[in-house]
C-alpha atoms as a PDB file:
ATOM      1  CA  MET A   1      56.017 252.776 -55.160  1.00  0.00           C
ATOM      2  CA  TYR A   2      55.120 256.565 -54.492  1.00  0.00           C
ATOM      3  CA  ILE A   3      53.686 258.732 -57.242  1.00  0.00           C
ATOM      4  CA  LEU A   4      55.330 262.153 -57.093  1.00  0.00           C
ATOM      5  CA  GLU A   5      53.447 263.867 -59.782  1.00  0.00           C
ATOM      6  CA  TYR A   6      51.200 262.691 -63.367  1.00  0.00           C
ATOM      7  CA  THR A   7      50.033 264.525 -65.995  1.00  0.00           C
ATOM      8  CA  GLU A   8      48.285 264.203 -69.482  1.00  0.00           C
ATOM      9  CA  ASP A   9      50.146 264.531 -72.510  1.00  0.00           C
ATOM     10  CA  PHE A  10      47.449 265.750 -75.197  1.00  0.00           C
ATOM     11  CA  GLY A  11      50.124 265.972 -77.930  1.00  0.00           C
ATOM     12  CA  GLY A  12      50.369 269.020 -80.617  1.00  0.00           C
ATOM     13  CA  PRO A  13      48.021 270.293 -83.408  1.00  0.00           C
ATOM     14  CA  GLU A  14      49.319 267.238 -85.366  1.00  0.00           C
ATOM     15  CA  ASP A  15      47.361 264.954 -82.991  1.00  0.00           C
ATOM     16  CA  ASP A  16      44.415 267.360 -82.688  1.00  0.00           C
ATOM     17  CA  PHE A  17      45.315 268.073 -78.707  1.00  0.00           C
ATOM     18  CA  ALA A  18      43.977 264.524 -78.004  1.00  0.00           C
ATOM     19  CA  PHE A  19      45.189 262.422 -75.440  1.00  0.00           C
ATOM     20  CA  GLN A  20      47.962 260.571 -76.081  1.00  0.00           C
ATOM     21  CA  LYS A  21      49.397 259.145 -72.655  1.00  0.00           C
ATOM     22  CA  THR A  22      49.800 259.753 -68.986  1.00  0.00           C
ATOM     23  CA  ILE A  23      53.427 260.969 -67.741  1.00  0.00           C
ATOM     24  CA  ILE A  24      54.270 259.244 -64.266  1.00  0.00           C
ATOM     25  CA  VAL A  25      56.976 260.073 -62.147  1.00  0.00           C
ATOM     26  CA  TYR A  26      57.646 258.050 -58.973  1.00  0.00           C
ATOM     27  CA  GLU A  27      59.384 256.977 -56.404  1.00  0.00           C
ATOM     28  CA  MET A  28      60.475 253.306 -55.180  1.00  0.00           C
ATOM     29  CA  SER A  29      63.472 251.842 -53.470  1.00  0.00           C
ATOM     30  CA  GLY A  30      64.999 255.651 -52.863  1.00  0.00           C
ATOM     31  CA  SER A  31      65.541 256.003 -56.818  1.00  0.00           C
ATOM     32  CA  ILE A  32      62.973 258.414 -59.194  1.00  0.00           C
ATOM     33  CA  TYR A  33      61.315 256.742 -62.318  1.00  0.00           C
ATOM     34  CA  ARG A  34      59.648 258.605 -65.240  1.00  0.00           C
ATOM     35  CA  SER A  35      57.026 256.445 -66.987  1.00  0.00           C
ATOM     36  CA  TYR A  36      54.024 256.216 -69.582  1.00  0.00           C
ATOM     37  CA  SER A  37      50.628 255.181 -69.086  1.00  0.00           C
ATOM     38  CA  ARG A  38      47.678 254.952 -72.032  1.00  0.00           C
ATOM     39  CA  LYS A  39      45.192 255.245 -69.251  1.00  0.00           C
ATOM     40  CA  ARG A  40      43.337 258.355 -67.948  1.00  0.00           C
ATOM     41  CA  TYR A  41      43.402 258.569 -63.955  1.00  0.00           C
ATOM     42  CA  VAL A  42      41.327 260.511 -61.585  1.00  0.00           C
ATOM     43  CA  SER A  43      43.666 260.448 -58.584  1.00  0.00           C
ATOM     44  CA  LYS A  44      47.297 259.112 -58.360  1.00  0.00           C
ATOM     45  CA  GLU A  45      45.899 256.286 -56.130  1.00  0.00           C
ATOM     46  CA  ASP A  46      44.245 254.834 -59.119  1.00  0.00           C
ATOM     47  CA  ILE A  47      47.682 254.576 -60.615  1.00  0.00           C
ATOM     48  CA  GLN A  48      48.929 250.634 -61.010  1.00  0.00           C
ATOM     49  CA  PHE A  49      52.539 249.993 -61.532  1.00  0.00           C
ATOM     50  CA  GLY A  50      51.176 247.060 -64.313  1.00  0.00           C
ATOM     51  CA  ASP A  51      49.901 250.145 -66.090  1.00  0.00           C
ATOM     52  CA  MET A  52      53.080 251.586 -67.075  1.00  0.00           C
ATOM     53  CA  TYR A  53      55.865 251.085 -69.865  1.00  0.00           C
ATOM     54  CA  SER A  54      58.932 252.616 -71.418  1.00  0.00           C
ATOM     55  CA  THR A  55      60.086 253.531 -67.628  1.00  0.00           C
ATOM     56  CA  ASN A  56      63.427 255.649 -67.239  1.00  0.00           C
ATOM     57  CA  LYS A  57      65.299 255.974 -64.001  1.00  0.00           C
ATOM     58  CA  ILE A  58      65.926 259.752 -63.586  1.00  0.00           C
ATOM     59  CA  GLN A  59      69.091 260.694 -61.429  1.00  0.00           C
ATOM     60  CA  GLY A  60      68.937 263.140 -59.015  1.00  0.00           C
ATOM     61  CA  ALA A  61      72.052 264.766 -59.806  1.00  0.00           C
ATOM     62  CA  LEU A  62      70.927 265.401 -63.636  1.00  0.00           C
ATOM     63  CA  ILE A  63      67.971 267.031 -62.322  1.00  0.00           C
ATOM     64  CA  PHE A  64      68.418 269.131 -58.959  1.00  0.00           C
ATOM     65  CA  PRO A  65      71.180 271.616 -59.099  1.00  0.00           C
ATOM     66  CA  GLU A  66      73.868 272.085 -56.622  1.00  0.00           C
ATOM     67  CA  PHE A  67      73.332 275.232 -54.096  1.00  0.00           C
ATOM     68  CA  SER A  68      75.682 278.000 -55.040  1.00  0.00           C
ATOM     69  CA  ASP A  69      77.379 281.020 -52.764  1.00  0.00           C
ATOM     70  CA  LYS A  70      75.946 283.318 -55.925  1.00  0.00           C
ATOM     71  CA  PHE A  71      72.239 282.441 -54.933  1.00  0.00           C
ATOM     72  CA  THR A  72      70.088 283.181 -52.116  1.00  0.00           C
ATOM     73  CA  LYS A  73      69.236 280.832 -49.716  1.00  0.00           C
ATOM     74  CA  ALA A  74      65.766 280.875 -48.233  1.00  0.00           C
ATOM     75  CA  GLU A  75      66.125 280.900 -44.409  1.00  0.00           C
ATOM     76  CA  LYS A  76      62.916 279.740 -42.270  1.00  0.00           C
ATOM     77  CA  SER A  77      61.184 282.690 -40.660  1.00  0.00           C
ATOM     78  CA  PRO A  78      57.465 283.262 -39.171  1.00  0.00           C
ATOM     79  CA  GLU A  79      57.050 284.793 -42.686  1.00  0.00           C
ATOM     80  CA  CYS A  80      57.459 281.311 -44.247  1.00  0.00           C
ATOM     81  CA  SER A  81      54.039 280.762 -44.039  1.00  0.00           C
ATOM     82  CA  THR A  82      52.942 283.016 -46.497  1.00  0.00           C
ATOM     83  CA  TRP A  83      55.757 281.937 -49.461  1.00  0.00           C
ATOM     84  CA  TYR A  84      54.872 279.565 -51.996  1.00  0.00           C
ATOM     85  CA  LEU A  85      57.594 276.663 -52.763  1.00  0.00           C
ATOM     86  CA  LYS A  86      57.830 276.080 -56.655  1.00  0.00           C
ATOM     87  CA  LYS A  87      59.273 272.762 -56.817  1.00  0.00           C
ATOM     88  CA  PRO A  88      60.907 271.644 -60.442  1.00  0.00           C
ATOM     89  CA  SER A  89      58.039 269.298 -62.298  1.00  0.00           C
ATOM     90  CA  LEU A  90      60.073 266.122 -63.148  1.00  0.00           C
ATOM     91  CA  SER A  91      57.391 265.211 -65.953  1.00  0.00           C
ATOM     92  CA  PRO A  92      59.396 266.674 -68.876  1.00  0.00           C
ATOM     93  CA  TYR A  93      62.299 264.703 -68.349  1.00  0.00           C
ATOM     94  CA  SER A  94      63.750 262.934 -71.339  1.00  0.00           C
ATOM     95  CA  PRO A  95      66.670 260.980 -72.208  1.00  0.00           C
ATOM     96  CA  GLN A  96      67.415 262.602 -74.970  1.00  0.00           C
ATOM     97  CA  TYR A  97      68.178 265.818 -73.159  1.00  0.00           C
ATOM     98  CA  PRO A  98      68.756 264.305 -69.353  1.00  0.00           C
ATOM     99  CA  ALA A  99      69.971 267.660 -68.071  1.00  0.00           C
ATOM    100  CA  LEU A 100      67.740 269.859 -69.454  1.00  0.00           C
ATOM    101  CA  ILE A 101      65.524 270.381 -66.104  1.00  0.00           C
ATOM    102  CA  ARG A 102      68.346 271.031 -64.284  1.00  0.00           C
ATOM    103  CA  GLU A 103      69.356 273.859 -66.411  1.00  0.00           C
ATOM    104  CA  THR A 104      66.433 275.084 -66.703  1.00  0.00           C
ATOM    105  CA  TRP A 105      66.210 275.029 -62.914  1.00  0.00           C
ATOM    106  CA  ILE A 106      69.696 277.037 -62.733  1.00  0.00           C
ATOM    107  CA  GLU A 107      68.442 279.817 -65.750  1.00  0.00           C
ATOM    108  CA  GLU A 108      65.161 280.276 -63.705  1.00  0.00           C
ATOM    109  CA  VAL A 109      67.274 280.899 -60.371  1.00  0.00           C
ATOM    110  CA  LYS A 110      69.557 283.341 -62.134  1.00  0.00           C
ATOM    111  CA  THR A 111      66.532 285.414 -63.315  1.00  0.00           C
ATOM    112  CA  CYS A 112      65.168 285.185 -59.519  1.00  0.00           C
ATOM    113  CA  GLU A 113      68.692 286.457 -58.366  1.00  0.00           C
ATOM    114  CA  LEU A 114      68.766 289.626 -60.514  1.00  0.00           C
ATOM    115  CA  LEU A 115      64.720 290.283 -59.781  1.00  0.00           C
ATOM    116  CA  LYS A 116      65.723 290.223 -56.150  1.00  0.00           C
ATOM    117  CA  LYS A 117      68.319 292.911 -56.781  1.00  0.00           C
ATOM    118  CA  ASN A 118      65.932 294.882 -58.746  1.00  0.00           C
ATOM    119  CA  PRO A 119      62.142 294.106 -57.619  1.00  0.00           C
ATOM    120  CA  HIS A 120      59.298 295.411 -59.295  1.00  0.00           C
ATOM    121  CA  PRO A 121      55.661 295.802 -57.791  1.00  0.00           C
ATOM    122  CA  ASN A 122      54.308 293.986 -60.908  1.00  0.00           C
ATOM    123  CA  ILE A 123      56.784 290.809 -60.966  1.00  0.00           C
ATOM    124  CA  ALA A 124      56.583 288.080 -58.238  1.00  0.00           C
ATOM    125  CA  GLU A 125      58.939 288.445 -55.399  1.00  0.00           C
ATOM    126  CA  TYR A 126      61.386 285.628 -55.011  1.00  0.00           C
ATOM    127  CA  HIS A 127      62.665 284.792 -51.211  1.00  0.00           C
ATOM    128  CA  GLY A 128      65.376 282.308 -52.033  1.00  0.00           C
ATOM    129  CA  CYS A 129      66.228 278.620 -52.688  1.00  0.00           C
ATOM    130  CA  ALA A 130      65.275 275.437 -50.429  1.00  0.00           C
ATOM    131  CA  VAL A 131      68.580 273.754 -50.124  1.00  0.00           C
ATOM    132  CA  VAL A 132      68.198 269.897 -48.626  1.00  0.00           C
ATOM    133  CA  ASP A 133      71.462 268.660 -46.856  1.00  0.00           C
ATOM    134  CA  ASP A 134      73.388 267.093 -49.459  1.00  0.00           C
ATOM    135  CA  GLY A 135      73.395 271.047 -50.777  1.00  0.00           C
ATOM    136  CA  SER A 136      71.142 270.725 -53.784  1.00  0.00           C
ATOM    137  CA  ILE A 137      67.935 272.896 -54.376  1.00  0.00           C
ATOM    138  CA  ARG A 138      64.666 271.600 -54.351  1.00  0.00           C
ATOM    139  CA  GLY A 139      62.718 274.314 -54.500  1.00  0.00           C
ATOM    140  CA  ILE A 140      61.987 278.379 -55.114  1.00  0.00           C
ATOM    141  CA  TYR A 141      60.135 280.493 -52.457  1.00  0.00           C
ATOM    142  CA  PHE A 142      58.026 283.154 -54.021  1.00  0.00           C
ATOM    143  CA  THR A 143      55.412 285.251 -52.029  1.00  0.00           C
ATOM    144  CA  ASN A 144      52.125 283.543 -52.272  1.00  0.00           C
ATOM    145  CA  TYR A 145      49.582 285.547 -54.228  1.00  0.00           C
ATOM    146  CA  ASP A 146      45.510 285.326 -54.269  1.00  0.00           C
ATOM    147  CA  GLU A 147      44.889 283.900 -57.750  1.00  0.00           C
ATOM    148  CA  THR A 148      45.893 283.539 -61.660  1.00  0.00           C
ATOM    149  CA  LEU A 149      44.210 285.821 -63.896  1.00  0.00           C
ATOM    150  CA  MET A 150      42.815 282.298 -65.484  1.00  0.00           C
ATOM    151  CA  ALA A 151      40.970 281.486 -62.210  1.00  0.00           C
ATOM    152  CA  ARG A 152      39.571 284.870 -62.026  1.00  0.00           C
ATOM    153  CA  VAL A 153      38.163 285.295 -65.263  1.00  0.00           C
ATOM    154  CA  ASN A 154      37.874 281.838 -66.563  1.00  0.00           C
ATOM    155  CA  PRO A 155      37.484 279.428 -63.246  1.00  0.00           C
ATOM    156  CA  ALA A 156      35.292 276.811 -65.890  1.00  0.00           C
ATOM    157  CA  ARG A 157      38.660 276.644 -68.078  1.00  0.00           C
ATOM    158  CA  ARG A 158      36.542 277.199 -70.912  1.00  0.00           C
ATOM    159  CA  ASN A 159      38.804 277.162 -74.019  1.00  0.00           C
ATOM    160  CA  LYS A 160      40.170 280.501 -75.260  1.00  0.00           C
ATOM    161  CA  THR A 161      37.739 281.363 -77.773  1.00  0.00           C
ATOM    162  CA  ASP A 162      34.712 280.415 -76.139  1.00  0.00           C
ATOM    163  CA  LEU A 163      36.054 282.528 -73.234  1.00  0.00           C
ATOM    164  CA  ALA A 164      36.473 285.675 -75.317  1.00  0.00           C
ATOM    165  CA  TYR A 165      32.877 285.534 -76.851  1.00  0.00           C
ATOM    166  CA  GLU A 166      31.812 285.033 -73.534  1.00  0.00           C
ATOM    167  CA  ARG A 167      33.769 288.392 -72.438  1.00  0.00           C
ATOM    168  CA  GLN A 168      32.490 290.824 -75.528  1.00  0.00           C
ATOM    169  CA  GLU A 169      30.686 292.855 -72.483  1.00  0.00           C
ATOM    170  CA  ALA A 170      34.018 293.299 -70.334  1.00  0.00           C
ATOM    171  CA  ASP A 171      35.003 295.907 -68.116  1.00  0.00           C
ATOM    172  CA  ARG A 172      37.295 297.867 -70.417  1.00  0.00           C
ATOM    173  CA  GLU A 173      38.488 300.138 -67.870  1.00  0.00           C
ATOM    174  CA  GLU A 174      39.299 297.044 -65.500  1.00  0.00           C
ATOM    175  CA  VAL A 175      41.156 295.242 -68.345  1.00  0.00           C
ATOM    176  CA  ASP A 176      43.219 298.260 -69.756  1.00  0.00           C
ATOM    177  CA  ARG A 177      44.416 298.586 -65.946  1.00  0.00           C
ATOM    178  CA  TRP A 178      45.642 295.189 -65.551  1.00  0.00           C
ATOM    179  CA  VAL A 179      47.193 295.296 -69.253  1.00  0.00           C
ATOM    180  CA  GLU A 180      49.073 298.561 -68.228  1.00  0.00           C
ATOM    181  CA  ALA A 181      50.223 296.987 -65.231  1.00  0.00           C
ATOM    182  CA  ILE A 182      51.494 293.836 -66.858  1.00  0.00           C
ATOM    183  CA  ALA A 183      53.170 295.684 -69.306  1.00  0.00           C
ATOM    184  CA  ARG A 184      54.968 298.015 -66.730  1.00  0.00           C
ATOM    185  CA  GLY A 185      56.285 294.631 -65.224  1.00  0.00           C
ATOM    186  CA  LEU A 186      57.417 293.693 -68.378  1.00  0.00           C
ATOM    187  CA  LYS A 187      59.295 297.071 -69.264  1.00  0.00           C
ATOM    188  CA  HIS A 188      60.872 296.197 -66.265  1.00  0.00           C
ATOM    189  CA  LEU A 189      62.168 292.980 -67.175  1.00  0.00           C
ATOM    190  CA  HIS A 190      63.108 293.748 -70.740  1.00  0.00           C
ATOM    191  CA  GLY A 191      64.960 296.862 -69.090  1.00  0.00           C
ATOM    192  CA  LEU A 192      67.193 294.332 -67.410  1.00  0.00           C
ATOM    193  CA  GLY A 193      68.046 292.130 -70.646  1.00  0.00           C
ATOM    194  CA  ILE A 194      65.617 289.353 -69.811  1.00  0.00           C
ATOM    195  CA  VAL A 195      62.402 287.985 -71.854  1.00  0.00           C
ATOM    196  CA  HIS A 196      59.878 286.088 -70.163  1.00  0.00           C
ATOM    197  CA  ASN A 197      58.424 283.781 -73.150  1.00  0.00           C
ATOM    198  CA  ASP A 198      55.318 282.359 -71.325  1.00  0.00           C
ATOM    199  CA  ILE A 199      53.456 285.203 -70.398  1.00  0.00           C
ATOM    200  CA  ASN A 200      49.904 283.170 -70.418  1.00  0.00           C
ATOM    201  CA  PRO A 201      46.909 283.967 -68.206  1.00  0.00           C
ATOM    202  CA  CYS A 202      48.163 281.248 -65.910  1.00  0.00           C
ATOM    203  CA  ASN A 203      51.456 283.133 -65.513  1.00  0.00           C
ATOM    204  CA  ILE A 204      49.705 286.209 -64.128  1.00  0.00           C
ATOM    205  CA  MET A 205      48.876 286.166 -60.718  1.00  0.00           C
ATOM    206  CA  PHE A 206      46.953 288.767 -58.569  1.00  0.00           C
ATOM    207  CA  GLN A 207      47.742 290.045 -55.113  1.00  0.00           C
ATOM    208  CA  GLY A 208      44.402 292.070 -54.393  1.00  0.00           C
ATOM    209  CA  ASP A 209      43.636 293.706 -57.593  1.00  0.00           C
ATOM    210  CA  THR A 210      47.289 294.512 -58.680  1.00  0.00           C
ATOM    211  CA  PRO A 211      48.734 291.761 -61.483  1.00  0.00           C
ATOM    212  CA  VAL A 212      52.144 290.013 -61.086  1.00  0.00           C
ATOM    213  CA  ILE A 213      53.635 288.077 -63.415  1.00  0.00           C
ATOM    214  CA  ILE A 214      55.260 284.685 -62.266  1.00  0.00           C
ATOM    215  CA  ASP A 215      56.716 281.650 -63.595  1.00  0.00           C
ATOM    216  CA  PHE A 216      60.282 282.104 -64.635  1.00  0.00           C
ATOM    217  CA  ASP A 217      61.492 279.162 -65.945  1.00  0.00           C
ATOM    218  CA  SER A 218      60.927 280.272 -69.926  1.00  0.00           C
ATOM    219  CA  ALA A 219      62.689 283.475 -68.933  1.00  0.00           C
ATOM    220  CA  ARG A 220      65.921 283.919 -71.157  1.00  0.00           C
ATOM    221  CA  PRO A 221      68.554 286.670 -71.593  1.00  0.00           C
ATOM    222  CA  ARG A 222      67.671 289.043 -75.127  1.00  0.00           C
ATOM    223  CA  GLY A 223      68.798 286.517 -77.953  1.00  0.00           C
ATOM    224  CA  HIS A 224      68.743 283.454 -76.175  1.00  0.00           C
ATOM    225  CA  ASP A 225      67.863 280.377 -78.587  1.00  0.00           C
ATOM    226  CA  LEU A 226      64.504 278.695 -77.462  1.00  0.00           C
ATOM    227  CA  SER A 227      64.409 275.655 -79.171  1.00  0.00           C
ATOM    228  CA  LEU A 228      64.292 273.643 -76.064  1.00  0.00           C
ATOM    229  CA  VAL A 229      62.601 276.007 -74.191  1.00  0.00           C
ATOM    230  CA  LYS A 230      58.956 275.321 -72.822  1.00  0.00           C
ATOM    231  CA  ARG A 231      56.169 278.020 -74.231  1.00  0.00           C
ATOM    232  CA  THR A 232      52.255 277.460 -74.095  1.00  0.00           C
ATOM    233  CA  HIS A 233      50.243 276.787 -76.848  1.00  0.00           C
ATOM    234  CA  GLY A 234      47.787 279.733 -78.238  1.00  0.00           C
ATOM    235  CA  TRP A 235      49.997 281.917 -76.582  1.00  0.00           C
ATOM    236  CA  HIS A 236      52.855 282.518 -78.682  1.00  0.00           C
ATOM    237  CA  ASP A 237      54.164 282.660 -82.379  1.00  0.00           C
ATOM    238  CA  GLY A 238      55.726 278.836 -83.050  1.00  0.00           C
ATOM    239  CA  LYS A 239      57.822 280.478 -85.668  1.00  0.00           C
ATOM    240  CA  THR A 240      60.159 282.638 -83.399  1.00  0.00           C
ATOM    241  CA  ASN A 241      62.711 280.604 -81.728  1.00  0.00           C
ATOM    242  CA  LEU A 242      64.516 283.644 -80.212  1.00  0.00           C
ATOM    243  CA  ALA A 243      64.048 285.629 -76.952  1.00  0.00           C
ATOM    244  CA  LEU A 244      62.949 288.796 -78.058  1.00  0.00           C
ATOM    245  CA  PRO A 245      60.872 291.504 -76.118  1.00  0.00           C
ATOM    246  CA  MET A 246      57.980 290.973 -78.786  1.00  0.00           C
ATOM    247  CA  ASN A 247      57.446 287.665 -77.813  1.00  0.00           C
ATOM    248  CA  ASP A 248      56.192 289.104 -74.530  1.00  0.00           C
ATOM    249  CA  ILE A 249      54.635 292.111 -76.180  1.00  0.00           C
ATOM    250  CA  ALA A 250      52.583 289.863 -78.441  1.00  0.00           C
ATOM    251  CA  ALA A 251      51.219 287.787 -75.623  1.00  0.00           C
ATOM    252  CA  LEU A 252      50.304 290.420 -73.708  1.00  0.00           C
ATOM    253  CA  LEU A 253      48.308 291.693 -76.504  1.00  0.00           C
ATOM    254  CA  GLU A 254      46.540 288.464 -77.091  1.00  0.00           C
ATOM    255  CA  ILE A 255      45.676 288.438 -73.332  1.00  0.00           C
ATOM    256  CA  GLN A 256      44.022 291.830 -73.574  1.00  0.00           C
ATOM    257  CA  LEU A 257      42.141 290.551 -76.830  1.00  0.00           C
ATOM    258  CA  TRP A 258      41.181 287.681 -74.977  1.00  0.00           C
ATOM    259  CA  LEU A 259      39.915 289.504 -71.779  1.00  0.00           C
ATOM    260  CA  LEU A 260      38.048 292.186 -73.936  1.00  0.00           C
ATOM    261  CA  GLY A 261      36.640 289.149 -76.097  1.00  0.00           C
ATOM    262  CA  GLU A 262      38.256 289.900 -79.502  1.00  0.00           C
ATOM    263  CA  ALA A 263      38.227 286.686 -80.902  1.00  0.00           C
ATOM    264  CA  ASP A 264      38.351 287.614 -84.444  1.00  0.00           C
ATOM    265  CA  GLN A 265      41.782 289.677 -83.635  1.00  0.00           C
ATOM    266  CA  PHE A 266      43.671 286.697 -82.121  1.00  0.00           C
ATOM    267  CA  GLN A 267      47.041 286.036 -83.328  1.00  0.00           C
ATOM    268  CA  PHE A 268      47.957 282.935 -82.182  1.00  0.00           C
END
């Protein structure tokens, strides 16, 4: 048994965001499985086969989309050393929606192809798909950036409100400069008919002091239904289920309030 990934599930507001279970994805005898455990782990080496329950086999054809000639195949070059390979997370796999990860992956590639033809300095640079011998897409290459906004201002990962209180003396000019740059990236994205839908401090990175929007697995064309689209708790309006530019604008305002320490003005 080889553990591919594991992640902790803290439920939702109805669970008070308390630990519920560990989601484990592993490979055994050439097949991939998704399982649960009631235990928490320091490292994947601590996971034991006997800990797991509710195991489901994941069919690769339902996860990894077939490469299309409409997409860009990343060609290896000396520049590859400065690229970041994003691989699909298999933890969200659900037997109820077995093809959801593949469909999400295809949507992200489509968005990235559009952005490759219409680049912007405040949007992550996409280099193409990582394609294996069977013709399936196993990853997406982007420029490797320095750090996330979360890592830059909140390396200890304090909760949203506590960090805001610590930042009440923040440099407003710096925050305004960052927010304006992100807004320019969003304006460009919206002009292409795409809404990001998951703007949060972990999906903003820096190249030097230049903010860059990353992570397009939640991006959808304007007006698209978001019922099955992943968004980050605390950074979106849960009552909104359509891809609208206001989703991103409101999330950016929330980031600005957070960076300026104005917790009493939070929307979410």
